[in-house]
Amino acid sequence: MDHPRDIGMMPRSEEITMTRRPRRNHSPAFKAKVALAAIKGERTLAELAQQFDVHPNQITQWRFQLLEGASGVFGADAKAEPAPAVDVKTLHAKIGELTLENDFLAGALGKAGLLPSAKR
């Protein structure tokens, strides 16, 4: 049979009161804590889900992600340096720009007699 809402059996007031839980974003530290608890196996998924207030399927997914990523801790990529926060090309361009301005100002001050040791 069709869903009660589809055939008009559920009153409108009940439809409106049914709300969805807002989407939650868990921190990586929380996910790791839950996944490690699942790997330990001291409690069932249902118990962990109740304790941490997440769905058992979510715990299974985080556990799988932790196990998949664990090999990277000991691999060659583990010691790789993180990417620089600032683009090196941008920094080199800025250095060139400032050097040019500095040379221009030093020359102008030298011509005006305000800088005794002008580079020229």
PDB file of N, CA and C in Angstrom:
ATOM      1  N   MET A   1       0.835  -1.173   0.000  1.00  0.00           N
ATOM      2  CA  MET A   1       0.000   0.000   0.000  1.00  0.00           C
ATOM      3  C   MET A   1       0.881   1.237   0.000  1.00  0.00           C
ATOM      4  N   ASP A   2       0.331   2.323  -0.479  1.00  0.00           N
ATOM      5  CA  ASP A   2       1.072   3.578  -0.542  1.00  0.00           C
ATOM      6  C   ASP A   2       1.358   4.115   0.848  1.00  0.00           C
ATOM      7  N   HIS A   3       2.256   5.037   0.888  1.00  0.00           N
ATOM      8  CA  HIS A   3       2.588   5.719   2.144  1.00  0.00           C
ATOM      9  C   HIS A   3       1.377   6.527   2.591  1.00  0.00           C
ATOM     10  N   PRO A   4       1.049   6.560   3.905  1.00  0.00           N
ATOM     11  CA  PRO A   4      -0.154   7.271   4.386  1.00  0.00           C
ATOM     12  C   PRO A   4      -0.200   8.730   3.948  1.00  0.00           C
ATOM     13  N   ARG A   5       0.939   9.362   3.872  1.00  0.00           N
ATOM     14  CA  ARG A   5       0.957  10.762   3.481  1.00  0.00           C
ATOM     15  C   ARG A   5       0.544  10.915   2.010  1.00  0.00           C
ATOM     16  N   ASP A   6       0.889   9.903   1.190  1.00  0.00           N
ATOM     17  CA  ASP A   6       0.571   9.962  -0.234  1.00  0.00           C
ATOM     18  C   ASP A   6      -0.926   9.847  -0.502  1.00  0.00           C
ATOM     19  N   ILE A   7      -1.644   9.125   0.338  1.00  0.00           N
ATOM     20  CA  ILE A   7      -3.074   8.941   0.077  1.00  0.00           C
ATOM     21  C   ILE A   7      -3.943   9.846   0.947  1.00  0.00           C
ATOM     22  N   GLY A   8      -3.322  10.765   1.650  1.00  0.00           N
ATOM     23  CA  GLY A   8      -4.084  11.755   2.396  1.00  0.00           C
ATOM     24  C   GLY A   8      -4.578  11.308   3.745  1.00  0.00           C
ATOM     25  N   MET A   9      -4.032  10.237   4.312  1.00  0.00           N
ATOM     26  CA  MET A   9      -4.500   9.754   5.603  1.00  0.00           C
ATOM     27  C   MET A   9      -3.830  10.473   6.777  1.00  0.00           C
ATOM     28  N   MET A  10      -2.659  11.051   6.550  1.00  0.00           N
ATOM     29  CA  MET A  10      -1.959  11.716   7.637  1.00  0.00           C
ATOM     30  C   MET A  10      -2.372  13.182   7.678  1.00  0.00           C
ATOM     31  N   PRO A  11      -2.815  13.640   8.826  1.00  0.00           N
ATOM     32  CA  PRO A  11      -3.207  15.050   8.928  1.00  0.00           C
ATOM     33  C   PRO A  11      -2.023  15.972   8.661  1.00  0.00           C
ATOM     34  N   ARG A  12      -2.309  17.135   8.134  1.00  0.00           N
ATOM     35  CA  ARG A  12      -1.285  18.118   7.815  1.00  0.00           C
ATOM     36  C   ARG A  12      -0.466  18.515   9.040  1.00  0.00           C
ATOM     37  N   SER A  13      -1.106  18.593  10.204  1.00  0.00           N
ATOM     38  CA  SER A  13      -0.397  19.016  11.407  1.00  0.00           C
ATOM     39  C   SER A  13       0.739  18.051  11.753  1.00  0.00           C
ATOM     40  N   GLU A  14       0.549  16.755  11.498  1.00  0.00           N
ATOM     41  CA  GLU A  14       1.606  15.785  11.780  1.00  0.00           C
ATOM     42  C   GLU A  14       2.753  15.925  10.800  1.00  0.00           C
ATOM     43  N   GLU A  15       2.448  16.251   9.565  1.00  0.00           N
ATOM     44  CA  GLU A  15       3.502  16.438   8.577  1.00  0.00           C
ATOM     45  C   GLU A  15       4.396  17.602   8.954  1.00  0.00           C
ATOM     46  N   ILE A  16       3.812  18.649   9.454  1.00  0.00           N
ATOM     47  CA  ILE A  16       4.570  19.850   9.771  1.00  0.00           C
ATOM     48  C   ILE A  16       5.444  19.636  11.005  1.00  0.00           C
ATOM     49  N   THR A  17       4.990  18.866  11.972  1.00  0.00           N
ATOM     50  CA  THR A  17       5.752  18.687  13.206  1.00  0.00           C
ATOM     51  C   THR A  17       6.939  17.750  13.036  1.00  0.00           C
ATOM     52  N   MET A  18       6.992  16.980  11.978  1.00  0.00           N
ATOM     53  CA  MET A  18       8.119  16.088  11.745  1.00  0.00           C
ATOM     54  C   MET A  18       9.293  16.923  11.241  1.00  0.00           C
ATOM     55  N   THR A  19      10.366  16.939  12.005  1.00  0.00           N
ATOM     56  CA  THR A  19      11.522  17.748  11.616  1.00  0.00           C
ATOM     57  C   THR A  19      12.740  16.866  11.449  1.00  0.00           C
ATOM     58  N   ARG A  20      13.632  17.341  10.633  1.00  0.00           N
ATOM     59  CA  ARG A  20      14.889  16.641  10.424  1.00  0.00           C
ATOM     60  C   ARG A  20      15.929  17.204  11.372  1.00  0.00           C
ATOM     61  N   ARG A  21      16.842  16.383  11.738  1.00  0.00           N
ATOM     62  CA  ARG A  21      17.945  16.800  12.594  1.00  0.00           C
ATOM     63  C   ARG A  21      18.902  17.655  11.758  1.00  0.00           C
ATOM     64  N   PRO A  22      19.377  18.754  12.290  1.00  0.00           N
ATOM     65  CA  PRO A  22      20.300  19.586  11.511  1.00  0.00           C
ATOM     66  C   PRO A  22      21.621  18.850  11.272  1.00  0.00           C
ATOM     67  N   ARG A  23      22.221  19.140  10.143  1.00  0.00           N
ATOM     68  CA  ARG A  23      23.487  18.503   9.788  1.00  0.00           C
ATOM     69  C   ARG A  23      24.586  18.956  10.748  1.00  0.00           C
ATOM     70  N   ARG A  24      25.342  17.990  11.245  1.00  0.00           N
ATOM     71  CA  ARG A  24      26.423  18.306  12.176  1.00  0.00           C
ATOM     72  C   ARG A  24      27.764  18.035  11.513  1.00  0.00           C
ATOM     73  N   ASN A  25      28.716  18.893  11.757  1.00  0.00           N
ATOM     74  CA  ASN A  25      30.073  18.695  11.263  1.00  0.00           C
ATOM     75  C   ASN A  25      30.961  18.350  12.453  1.00  0.00           C
ATOM     76  N   HIS A  26      31.476  17.138  12.450  1.00  0.00           N
ATOM     77  CA  HIS A  26      32.307  16.679  13.553  1.00  0.00           C
ATOM     78  C   HIS A  26      33.770  16.984  13.261  1.00  0.00           C
ATOM     79  N   SER A  27      34.512  17.312  14.290  1.00  0.00           N
ATOM     80  CA  SER A  27      35.934  17.620  14.139  1.00  0.00           C
ATOM     81  C   SER A  27      36.709  16.340  13.827  1.00  0.00           C
ATOM     82  N   PRO A  28      37.858  16.481  13.167  1.00  0.00           N
ATOM     83  CA  PRO A  28      38.685  15.301  12.906  1.00  0.00           C
ATOM     84  C   PRO A  28      39.093  14.578  14.191  1.00  0.00           C
ATOM     85  N   ALA A  29      39.315  15.324  15.266  1.00  0.00           N
ATOM     86  CA  ALA A  29      39.692  14.698  16.540  1.00  0.00           C
ATOM     87  C   ALA A  29      38.555  13.829  17.077  1.00  0.00           C
ATOM     88  N   PHE A  30      37.320  14.309  16.953  1.00  0.00           N
ATOM     89  CA  PHE A  30      36.166  13.533  17.409  1.00  0.00           C
ATOM     90  C   PHE A  30      36.021  12.263  16.574  1.00  0.00           C
ATOM     91  N   LYS A  31      36.171  12.395  15.260  1.00  0.00           N
ATOM     92  CA  LYS A  31      36.056  11.232  14.378  1.00  0.00           C
ATOM     93  C   LYS A  31      37.115  10.190  14.725  1.00  0.00           C
ATOM     94  N   ALA A  32      38.346  10.646  14.982  1.00  0.00           N
ATOM     95  CA  ALA A  32      39.423   9.723  15.333  1.00  0.00           C
ATOM     96  C   ALA A  32      39.127   9.024  16.653  1.00  0.00           C
ATOM     97  N   LYS A  33      38.611   9.761  17.609  1.00  0.00           N
ATOM     98  CA  LYS A  33      38.273   9.187  18.918  1.00  0.00           C
ATOM     99  C   LYS A  33      37.222   8.087  18.772  1.00  0.00           C
ATOM    100  N   VAL A  34      36.182   8.356  17.986  1.00  0.00           N
ATOM    101  CA  VAL A  34      35.107   7.381  17.785  1.00  0.00           C
ATOM    102  C   VAL A  34      35.632   6.170  17.013  1.00  0.00           C
ATOM    103  N   ALA A  35      36.416   6.422  15.961  1.00  0.00           N
ATOM    104  CA  ALA A  35      36.947   5.325  15.151  1.00  0.00           C
ATOM    105  C   ALA A  35      37.886   4.443  15.969  1.00  0.00           C
ATOM    106  N   LEU A  36      38.716   5.047  16.800  1.00  0.00           N
ATOM    107  CA  LEU A  36      39.611   4.253  17.650  1.00  0.00           C
ATOM    108  C   LEU A  36      38.830   3.411  18.651  1.00  0.00           C
ATOM    109  N   ALA A  37      37.762   3.972  19.187  1.00  0.00           N
ATOM    110  CA  ALA A  37      36.911   3.204  20.103  1.00  0.00           C
ATOM    111  C   ALA A  37      36.298   2.013  19.380  1.00  0.00           C
ATOM    112  N   ALA A  38      35.928   2.200  18.113  1.00  0.00           N
ATOM    113  CA  ALA A  38      35.353   1.102  17.331  1.00  0.00           C
ATOM    114  C   ALA A  38      36.399   0.033  17.036  1.00  0.00           C
ATOM    115  N   ILE A  39      37.627   0.460  16.768  1.00  0.00           N
ATOM    116  CA  ILE A  39      38.694  -0.497  16.468  1.00  0.00           C
ATOM    117  C   ILE A  39      39.050  -1.318  17.705  1.00  0.00           C
ATOM    118  N   LYS A  40      39.033  -0.687  18.869  1.00  0.00           N
ATOM    119  CA  LYS A  40      39.335  -1.413  20.110  1.00  0.00           C
ATOM    120  C   LYS A  40      38.388  -2.590  20.303  1.00  0.00           C
ATOM    121  N   GLY A  41      37.125  -2.419  19.926  1.00  0.00           N
ATOM    122  CA  GLY A  41      36.155  -3.503  20.007  1.00  0.00           C
ATOM    123  C   GLY A  41      35.659  -3.814  21.405  1.00  0.00           C
ATOM    124  N   GLU A  42      35.880  -2.923  22.346  1.00  0.00           N
ATOM    125  CA  GLU A  42      35.417  -3.157  23.713  1.00  0.00           C
ATOM    126  C   GLU A  42      33.910  -2.973  23.847  1.00  0.00           C
ATOM    127  N   ARG A  43      33.308  -2.218  22.933  1.00  0.00           N
ATOM    128  CA  ARG A  43      31.866  -1.972  22.958  1.00  0.00           C
ATOM    129  C   ARG A  43      31.311  -2.234  21.562  1.00  0.00           C
ATOM    130  N   THR A  44      30.032  -2.531  21.485  1.00  0.00           N
ATOM    131  CA  THR A  44      29.394  -2.771  20.193  1.00  0.00           C
ATOM    132  C   THR A  44      29.176  -1.446  19.474  1.00  0.00           C
ATOM    133  N   LEU A  45      28.895  -1.543  18.180  1.00  0.00           N
ATOM    134  CA  LEU A  45      28.603  -0.335  17.404  1.00  0.00           C
ATOM    135  C   LEU A  45      27.387   0.395  17.955  1.00  0.00           C
ATOM    136  N   ALA A  46      26.391  -0.366  18.366  1.00  0.00           N
ATOM    137  CA  ALA A  46      25.180   0.253  18.913  1.00  0.00           C
ATOM    138  C   ALA A  46      25.493   1.028  20.193  1.00  0.00           C
ATOM    139  N   GLU A  47      26.337   0.456  21.032  1.00  0.00           N
ATOM    140  CA  GLU A  47      26.715   1.148  22.268  1.00  0.00           C
ATOM    141  C   GLU A  47      27.515   2.413  21.974  1.00  0.00           C
ATOM    142  N   LEU A  48      28.446   2.304  21.036  1.00  0.00           N
ATOM    143  CA  LEU A  48      29.240   3.476  20.659  1.00  0.00           C
ATOM    144  C   LEU A  48      28.365   4.552  20.034  1.00  0.00           C
ATOM    145  N   ALA A  49      27.429   4.122  19.199  1.00  0.00           N
ATOM    146  CA  ALA A  49      26.527   5.081  18.555  1.00  0.00           C
ATOM    147  C   ALA A  49      25.717   5.843  19.597  1.00  0.00           C
ATOM    148  N   GLN A  50      25.265   5.141  20.603  1.00  0.00           N
ATOM    149  CA  GLN A  50      24.496   5.789  21.666  1.00  0.00           C
ATOM    150  C   GLN A  50      25.397   6.704  22.501  1.00  0.00           C
ATOM    151  N   GLN A  51      26.596   6.235  22.796  1.00  0.00           N
ATOM    152  CA  GLN A  51      27.526   7.021  23.613  1.00  0.00           C
ATOM    153  C   GLN A  51      27.924   8.327  22.923  1.00  0.00           C
ATOM    154  N   PHE A  52      28.240   8.247  21.622  1.00  0.00           N
ATOM    155  CA  PHE A  52      28.734   9.418  20.900  1.00  0.00           C
ATOM    156  C   PHE A  52      27.646  10.147  20.116  1.00  0.00           C
ATOM    157  N   ASP A  53      26.421   9.640  20.165  1.00  0.00           N
ATOM    158  CA  ASP A  53      25.272  10.253  19.495  1.00  0.00           C
ATOM    159  C   ASP A  53      25.487  10.402  17.989  1.00  0.00           C
ATOM    160  N   VAL A  54      25.945   9.316  17.369  1.00  0.00           N
ATOM    161  CA  VAL A  54      26.085   9.249  15.912  1.00  0.00           C
ATOM    162  C   VAL A  54      25.518   7.917  15.441  1.00  0.00           C
ATOM    163  N   HIS A  55      25.246   7.824  14.156  1.00  0.00           N
ATOM    164  CA  HIS A  55      24.677   6.605  13.587  1.00  0.00           C
ATOM    165  C   HIS A  55      25.758   5.524  13.487  1.00  0.00           C
ATOM    166  N   PRO A  56      25.407   4.260  13.711  1.00  0.00           N
ATOM    167  CA  PRO A  56      26.391   3.176  13.598  1.00  0.00           C
ATOM    168  C   PRO A  56      27.073   3.119  12.229  1.00  0.00           C
ATOM    169  N   ASN A  57      26.331   3.425  11.168  1.00  0.00           N
ATOM    170  CA  ASN A  57      26.943   3.433   9.839  1.00  0.00           C
ATOM    171  C   ASN A  57      28.042   4.485   9.742  1.00  0.00           C
ATOM    172  N   GLN A  58      27.859   5.609  10.419  1.00  0.00           N
ATOM    173  CA  GLN A  58      28.864   6.667  10.409  1.00  0.00           C
ATOM    174  C   GLN A  58      30.132   6.193  11.116  1.00  0.00           C
ATOM    175  N   ILE A  59      29.956   5.474  12.208  1.00  0.00           N
ATOM    176  CA  ILE A  59      31.106   4.936  12.941  1.00  0.00           C
ATOM    177  C   ILE A  59      31.870   3.951  12.063  1.00  0.00           C
ATOM    178  N   THR A  60      31.140   3.094  11.358  1.00  0.00           N
ATOM    179  CA  THR A  60      31.770   2.126  10.459  1.00  0.00           C
ATOM    180  C   THR A  60      32.565   2.835   9.372  1.00  0.00           C
ATOM    181  N   GLN A  61      32.007   3.893   8.825  1.00  0.00           N
ATOM    182  CA  GLN A  61      32.695   4.654   7.775  1.00  0.00           C
ATOM    183  C   GLN A  61      33.977   5.297   8.321  1.00  0.00           C
ATOM    184  N   TRP A  62      33.898   5.923   9.480  1.00  0.00           N
ATOM    185  CA  TRP A  62      35.084   6.554  10.075  1.00  0.00           C
ATOM    186  C   TRP A  62      36.148   5.517  10.417  1.00  0.00           C
ATOM    187  N   ARG A  63      35.709   4.349  10.895  1.00  0.00           N
ATOM    188  CA  ARG A  63      36.642   3.268  11.221  1.00  0.00           C
ATOM    189  C   ARG A  63      37.383   2.822   9.962  1.00  0.00           C
ATOM    190  N   PHE A  64      36.650   2.660   8.876  1.00  0.00           N
ATOM    191  CA  PHE A  64      37.254   2.260   7.607  1.00  0.00           C
ATOM    192  C   PHE A  64      38.246   3.321   7.129  1.00  0.00           C
ATOM    193  N   GLN A  65      37.868   4.592   7.215  1.00  0.00           N
ATOM    194  CA  GLN A  65      38.760   5.676   6.788  1.00  0.00           C
ATOM    195  C   GLN A  65      40.038   5.699   7.622  1.00  0.00           C
ATOM    196  N   LEU A  66      39.907   5.460   8.911  1.00  0.00           N
ATOM    197  CA  LEU A  66      41.083   5.440   9.782  1.00  0.00           C
ATOM    198  C   LEU A  66      42.016   4.295   9.408  1.00  0.00           C
ATOM    199  N   LEU A  67      41.447   3.120   9.179  1.00  0.00           N
ATOM    200  CA  LEU A  67      42.273   1.971   8.811  1.00  0.00           C
ATOM    201  C   LEU A  67      42.935   2.169   7.450  1.00  0.00           C
ATOM    202  N   GLU A  68      42.228   2.762   6.510  1.00  0.00           N
ATOM    203  CA  GLU A  68      42.792   3.017   5.186  1.00  0.00           C
ATOM    204  C   GLU A  68      43.930   4.041   5.251  1.00  0.00           C
ATOM    205  N   GLY A  69      43.765   5.056   6.080  1.00  0.00           N
ATOM    206  CA  GLY A  69      44.769   6.111   6.170  1.00  0.00           C
ATOM    207  C   GLY A  69      45.928   5.788   7.091  1.00  0.00           C
ATOM    208  N   ALA A  70      45.806   4.735   7.881  1.00  0.00           N
ATOM    209  CA  ALA A  70      46.847   4.398   8.851  1.00  0.00           C
ATOM    210  C   ALA A  70      48.161   4.020   8.177  1.00  0.00           C
ATOM    211  N   SER A  71      48.113   3.398   7.017  1.00  0.00           N
ATOM    212  CA  SER A  71      49.351   3.005   6.338  1.00  0.00           C
ATOM    213  C   SER A  71      50.155   4.226   5.896  1.00  0.00           C
ATOM    214  N   GLY A  72      49.485   5.349   5.685  1.00  0.00           N
ATOM    215  CA  GLY A  72      50.182   6.571   5.293  1.00  0.00           C
ATOM    216  C   GLY A  72      51.046   7.146   6.401  1.00  0.00           C
ATOM    217  N   VAL A  73      50.764   6.780   7.639  1.00  0.00           N
ATOM    218  CA  VAL A  73      51.552   7.280   8.766  1.00  0.00           C
ATOM    219  C   VAL A  73      52.981   6.767   8.675  1.00  0.00           C
ATOM    220  N   PHE A  74      53.150   5.543   8.191  1.00  0.00           N
ATOM    221  CA  PHE A  74      54.467   4.931   8.141  1.00  0.00           C
ATOM    222  C   PHE A  74      55.066   4.937   6.738  1.00  0.00           C
ATOM    223  N   GLY A  75      54.374   5.498   5.770  1.00  0.00           N
ATOM    224  CA  GLY A  75      54.848   5.502   4.396  1.00  0.00           C
ATOM    225  C   GLY A  75      55.807   6.639   4.108  1.00  0.00           C
ATOM    226  N   ALA A  76      56.218   6.729   2.855  1.00  0.00           N
ATOM    227  CA  ALA A  76      57.155   7.764   2.418  1.00  0.00           C
ATOM    228  C   ALA A  76      56.531   9.149   2.500  1.00  0.00           C
ATOM    229  N   ASP A  77      55.224   9.235   2.322  1.00  0.00           N
ATOM    230  CA  ASP A  77      54.551  10.531   2.339  1.00  0.00           C
ATOM    231  C   ASP A  77      54.424  11.106   3.743  1.00  0.00           C
ATOM    232  N   ALA A  78      54.677  10.308   4.757  1.00  0.00           N
ATOM    233  CA  ALA A  78      54.491  10.770   6.131  1.00  0.00           C
ATOM    234  C   ALA A  78      55.471  11.880   6.495  1.00  0.00           C
ATOM    235  N   LYS A  79      56.669  11.837   5.936  1.00  0.00           N
ATOM    236  CA  LYS A  79      57.694  12.822   6.262  1.00  0.00           C
ATOM    237  C   LYS A  79      57.702  13.996   5.283  1.00  0.00           C
ATOM    238  N   ALA A  80      56.832  13.976   4.303  1.00  0.00           N
ATOM    239  CA  ALA A  80      56.800  15.044   3.302  1.00  0.00           C
ATOM    240  C   ALA A  80      56.441  16.373   3.958  1.00  0.00           C
ATOM    241  N   GLU A  81      57.099  17.427   3.482  1.00  0.00           N
ATOM    242  CA  GLU A  81      56.822  18.756   4.022  1.00  0.00           C
ATOM    243  C   GLU A  81      55.479  19.245   3.501  1.00  0.00           C
ATOM    244  N   PRO A  82      54.742  19.946   4.328  1.00  0.00           N
ATOM    245  CA  PRO A  82      53.475  20.504   3.856  1.00  0.00           C
ATOM    246  C   PRO A  82      53.728  21.620   2.844  1.00  0.00           C
ATOM    247  N   ALA A  83      52.754  21.854   2.002  1.00  0.00           N
ATOM    248  CA  ALA A  83      52.880  22.904   0.994  1.00  0.00           C
ATOM    249  C   ALA A  83      53.000  24.256   1.687  1.00  0.00           C
ATOM    250  N   PRO A  84      53.835  25.147   1.132  1.00  0.00           N
ATOM    251  CA  PRO A  84      53.974  26.467   1.758  1.00  0.00           C
ATOM    252  C   PRO A  84      52.652  27.227   1.735  1.00  0.00           C
ATOM    253  N   ALA A  85      52.430  28.011   2.781  1.00  0.00           N
ATOM    254  CA  ALA A  85      51.180  28.753   2.895  1.00  0.00           C
ATOM    255  C   ALA A  85      51.118  29.904   1.894  1.00  0.00           C
ATOM    256  N   VAL A  86      52.284  30.407   1.479  1.00  0.00           N
ATOM    257  CA  VAL A  86      52.333  31.534   0.558  1.00  0.00           C
ATOM    258  C   VAL A  86      53.020  31.074  -0.721  1.00  0.00           C
ATOM    259  N   ASP A  87      52.544  31.538  -1.846  1.00  0.00           N
ATOM    260  CA  ASP A  87      53.112  31.181  -3.140  1.00  0.00           C
ATOM    261  C   ASP A  87      54.494  31.808  -3.292  1.00  0.00           C
ATOM    262  N   VAL A  88      55.500  30.998  -3.629  1.00  0.00           N
ATOM    263  CA  VAL A  88      56.875  31.471  -3.744  1.00  0.00           C
ATOM    264  C   VAL A  88      57.017  32.458  -4.904  1.00  0.00           C
ATOM    265  N   LYS A  89      56.326  32.222  -5.999  1.00  0.00           N
ATOM    266  CA  LYS A  89      56.412  33.138  -7.143  1.00  0.00           C
ATOM    267  C   LYS A  89      55.919  34.529  -6.768  1.00  0.00           C
ATOM    268  N   THR A  90      54.858  34.583  -5.979  1.00  0.00           N
ATOM    269  CA  THR A  90      54.324  35.870  -5.534  1.00  0.00           C
ATOM    270  C   THR A  90      55.346  36.593  -4.668  1.00  0.00           C
ATOM    271  N   LEU A  91      56.016  35.858  -3.795  1.00  0.00           N
ATOM    272  CA  LEU A  91      57.034  36.468  -2.942  1.00  0.00           C
ATOM    273  C   LEU A  91      58.210  36.993  -3.758  1.00  0.00           C
ATOM    274  N   HIS A  92      58.653  36.230  -4.758  1.00  0.00           N
ATOM    275  CA  HIS A  92      59.750  36.682  -5.610  1.00  0.00           C
ATOM    276  C   HIS A  92      59.359  37.939  -6.383  1.00  0.00           C
ATOM    277  N   ALA A  93      58.134  37.987  -6.851  1.00  0.00           N
ATOM    278  CA  ALA A  93      57.660  39.175  -7.570  1.00  0.00           C
ATOM    279  C   ALA A  93      57.648  40.388  -6.648  1.00  0.00           C
ATOM    280  N   LYS A  94      57.219  40.207  -5.419  1.00  0.00           N
ATOM    281  CA  LYS A  94      57.176  41.310  -4.455  1.00  0.00           C
ATOM    282  C   LYS A  94      58.586  41.782  -4.109  1.00  0.00           C
ATOM    283  N   ILE A  95      59.520  40.854  -3.963  1.00  0.00           N
ATOM    284  CA  ILE A  95      60.912  41.224  -3.685  1.00  0.00           C
ATOM    285  C   ILE A  95      61.472  42.055  -4.833  1.00  0.00           C
ATOM    286  N   GLY A  96      61.207  41.633  -6.061  1.00  0.00           N
ATOM    287  CA  GLY A  96      61.673  42.394  -7.223  1.00  0.00           C
ATOM    288  C   GLY A  96      61.080  43.792  -7.261  1.00  0.00           C
ATOM    289  N   GLU A  97      59.798  43.888  -6.965  1.00  0.00           N
ATOM    290  CA  GLU A  97      59.112  45.183  -6.958  1.00  0.00           C
ATOM    291  C   GLU A  97      59.707  46.110  -5.898  1.00  0.00           C
ATOM    292  N   LEU A  98      59.920  45.598  -4.709  1.00  0.00           N
ATOM    293  CA  LEU A  98      60.474  46.414  -3.624  1.00  0.00           C
ATOM    294  C   LEU A  98      61.920  46.814  -3.897  1.00  0.00           C
ATOM    295  N   THR A  99      62.697  45.922  -4.506  1.00  0.00           N
ATOM    296  CA  THR A  99      64.076  46.253  -4.863  1.00  0.00           C
ATOM    297  C   THR A  99      64.108  47.377  -5.883  1.00  0.00           C
ATOM    298  N   LEU A 100      63.226  47.318  -6.862  1.00  0.00           N
ATOM    299  CA  LEU A 100      63.145  48.363  -7.881  1.00  0.00           C
ATOM    300  C   LEU A 100      62.764  49.702  -7.259  1.00  0.00           C
ATOM    301  N   GLU A 101      61.783  49.701  -6.374  1.00  0.00           N
ATOM    302  CA  GLU A 101      61.374  50.934  -5.690  1.00  0.00           C
ATOM    303  C   GLU A 101      62.509  51.484  -4.833  1.00  0.00           C
ATOM    304  N   ASN A 102      63.207  50.608  -4.136  1.00  0.00           N
ATOM    305  CA  ASN A 102      64.313  51.021  -3.279  1.00  0.00           C
ATOM    306  C   ASN A 102      65.421  51.677  -4.101  1.00  0.00           C
ATOM    307  N   ASP A 103      65.775  51.048  -5.217  1.00  0.00           N
ATOM    308  CA  ASP A 103      66.809  51.616  -6.091  1.00  0.00           C
ATOM    309  C   ASP A 103      66.372  52.962  -6.654  1.00  0.00           C
ATOM    310  N   PHE A 104      65.121  53.076  -7.053  1.00  0.00           N
ATOM    311  CA  PHE A 104      64.607  54.334  -7.602  1.00  0.00           C
ATOM    312  C   PHE A 104      64.676  55.449  -6.562  1.00  0.00           C
ATOM    313  N   LEU A 105      64.212  55.157  -5.347  1.00  0.00           N
ATOM    314  CA  LEU A 105      64.216  56.165  -4.285  1.00  0.00           C
ATOM    315  C   LEU A 105      65.636  56.544  -3.873  1.00  0.00           C
ATOM    316  N   ALA A 106      66.532  55.576  -3.827  1.00  0.00           N
ATOM    317  CA  ALA A 106      67.924  55.874  -3.490  1.00  0.00           C
ATOM    318  C   ALA A 106      68.536  56.791  -4.544  1.00  0.00           C
ATOM    319  N   GLY A 107      68.234  56.543  -5.805  1.00  0.00           N
ATOM    320  CA  GLY A 107      68.744  57.405  -6.882  1.00  0.00           C
ATOM    321  C   GLY A 107      68.166  58.805  -6.805  1.00  0.00           C
ATOM    322  N   ALA A 108      66.860  58.902  -6.542  1.00  0.00           N
ATOM    323  CA  ALA A 108      66.215  60.217  -6.448  1.00  0.00           C
ATOM    324  C   ALA A 108      66.757  61.004  -5.260  1.00  0.00           C
ATOM    325  N   LEU A 109      66.953  60.360  -4.139  1.00  0.00           N
ATOM    326  CA  LEU A 109      67.511  61.037  -2.965  1.00  0.00           C
ATOM    327  C   LEU A 109      68.961  61.445  -3.208  1.00  0.00           C
ATOM    328  N   GLY A 110      69.685  60.619  -3.924  1.00  0.00           N
ATOM    329  CA  GLY A 110      71.079  60.956  -4.251  1.00  0.00           C
ATOM    330  C   GLY A 110      71.163  62.180  -5.140  1.00  0.00           C
ATOM    331  N   LYS A 111      70.296  62.265  -6.146  1.00  0.00           N
ATOM    332  CA  LYS A 111      70.279  63.419  -7.054  1.00  0.00           C
ATOM    333  C   LYS A 111      69.869  64.685  -6.311  1.00  0.00           C
ATOM    334  N   ALA A 112      68.990  64.549  -5.336  1.00  0.00           N
ATOM    335  CA  ALA A 112      68.522  65.709  -4.577  1.00  0.00           C
ATOM    336  C   ALA A 112      69.529  66.108  -3.504  1.00  0.00           C
ATOM    337  N   GLY A 113      70.568  65.308  -3.320  1.00  0.00           N
ATOM    338  CA  GLY A 113      71.579  65.620  -2.321  1.00  0.00           C
ATOM    339  C   GLY A 113      71.160  65.278  -0.913  1.00  0.00           C
ATOM    340  N   LEU A 114      70.117  64.504  -0.760  1.00  0.00           N
ATOM    341  CA  LEU A 114      69.633  64.135   0.570  1.00  0.00           C
ATOM    342  C   LEU A 114      70.229  62.817   1.069  1.00  0.00           C
ATOM    343  N   LEU A 115      70.875  62.085   0.182  1.00  0.00           N
ATOM    344  CA  LEU A 115      71.475  60.803   0.545  1.00  0.00           C
ATOM    345  C   LEU A 115      72.930  60.836   0.110  1.00  0.00           C
ATOM    346  N   PRO A 116      73.872  60.960   1.054  1.00  0.00           N
ATOM    347  CA  PRO A 116      75.270  61.125   0.678  1.00  0.00           C
ATOM    348  C   PRO A 116      75.868  59.901  -0.019  1.00  0.00           C
ATOM    349  N   SER A 117      75.443  58.705   0.317  1.00  0.00           N
ATOM    350  CA  SER A 117      76.047  57.511  -0.287  1.00  0.00           C
ATOM    351  C   SER A 117      75.052  56.800  -1.197  1.00  0.00           C
ATOM    352  N   ALA A 118      74.573  57.514  -2.205  1.00  0.00           N
ATOM    353  CA  ALA A 118      73.601  56.923  -3.129  1.00  0.00           C
ATOM    354  C   ALA A 118      74.288  55.920  -4.032  1.00  0.00           C
ATOM    355  N   LYS A 119      73.606  54.830  -4.345  1.00  0.00           N
ATOM    356  CA  LYS A 119      74.143  53.811  -5.253  1.00  0.00           C
ATOM    357  C   LYS A 119      73.925  54.286  -6.682  1.00  0.00           C
ATOM    358  N   ARG A 120      74.941  54.687  -7.358  1.00  0.00           N
ATOM    359  CA  ARG A 120      74.809  55.087  -8.755  1.00  0.00           C
ATOM    360  C   ARG A 120      76.091  54.918  -9.446  1.00  0.00           C
TER     361      ARG A 120
END
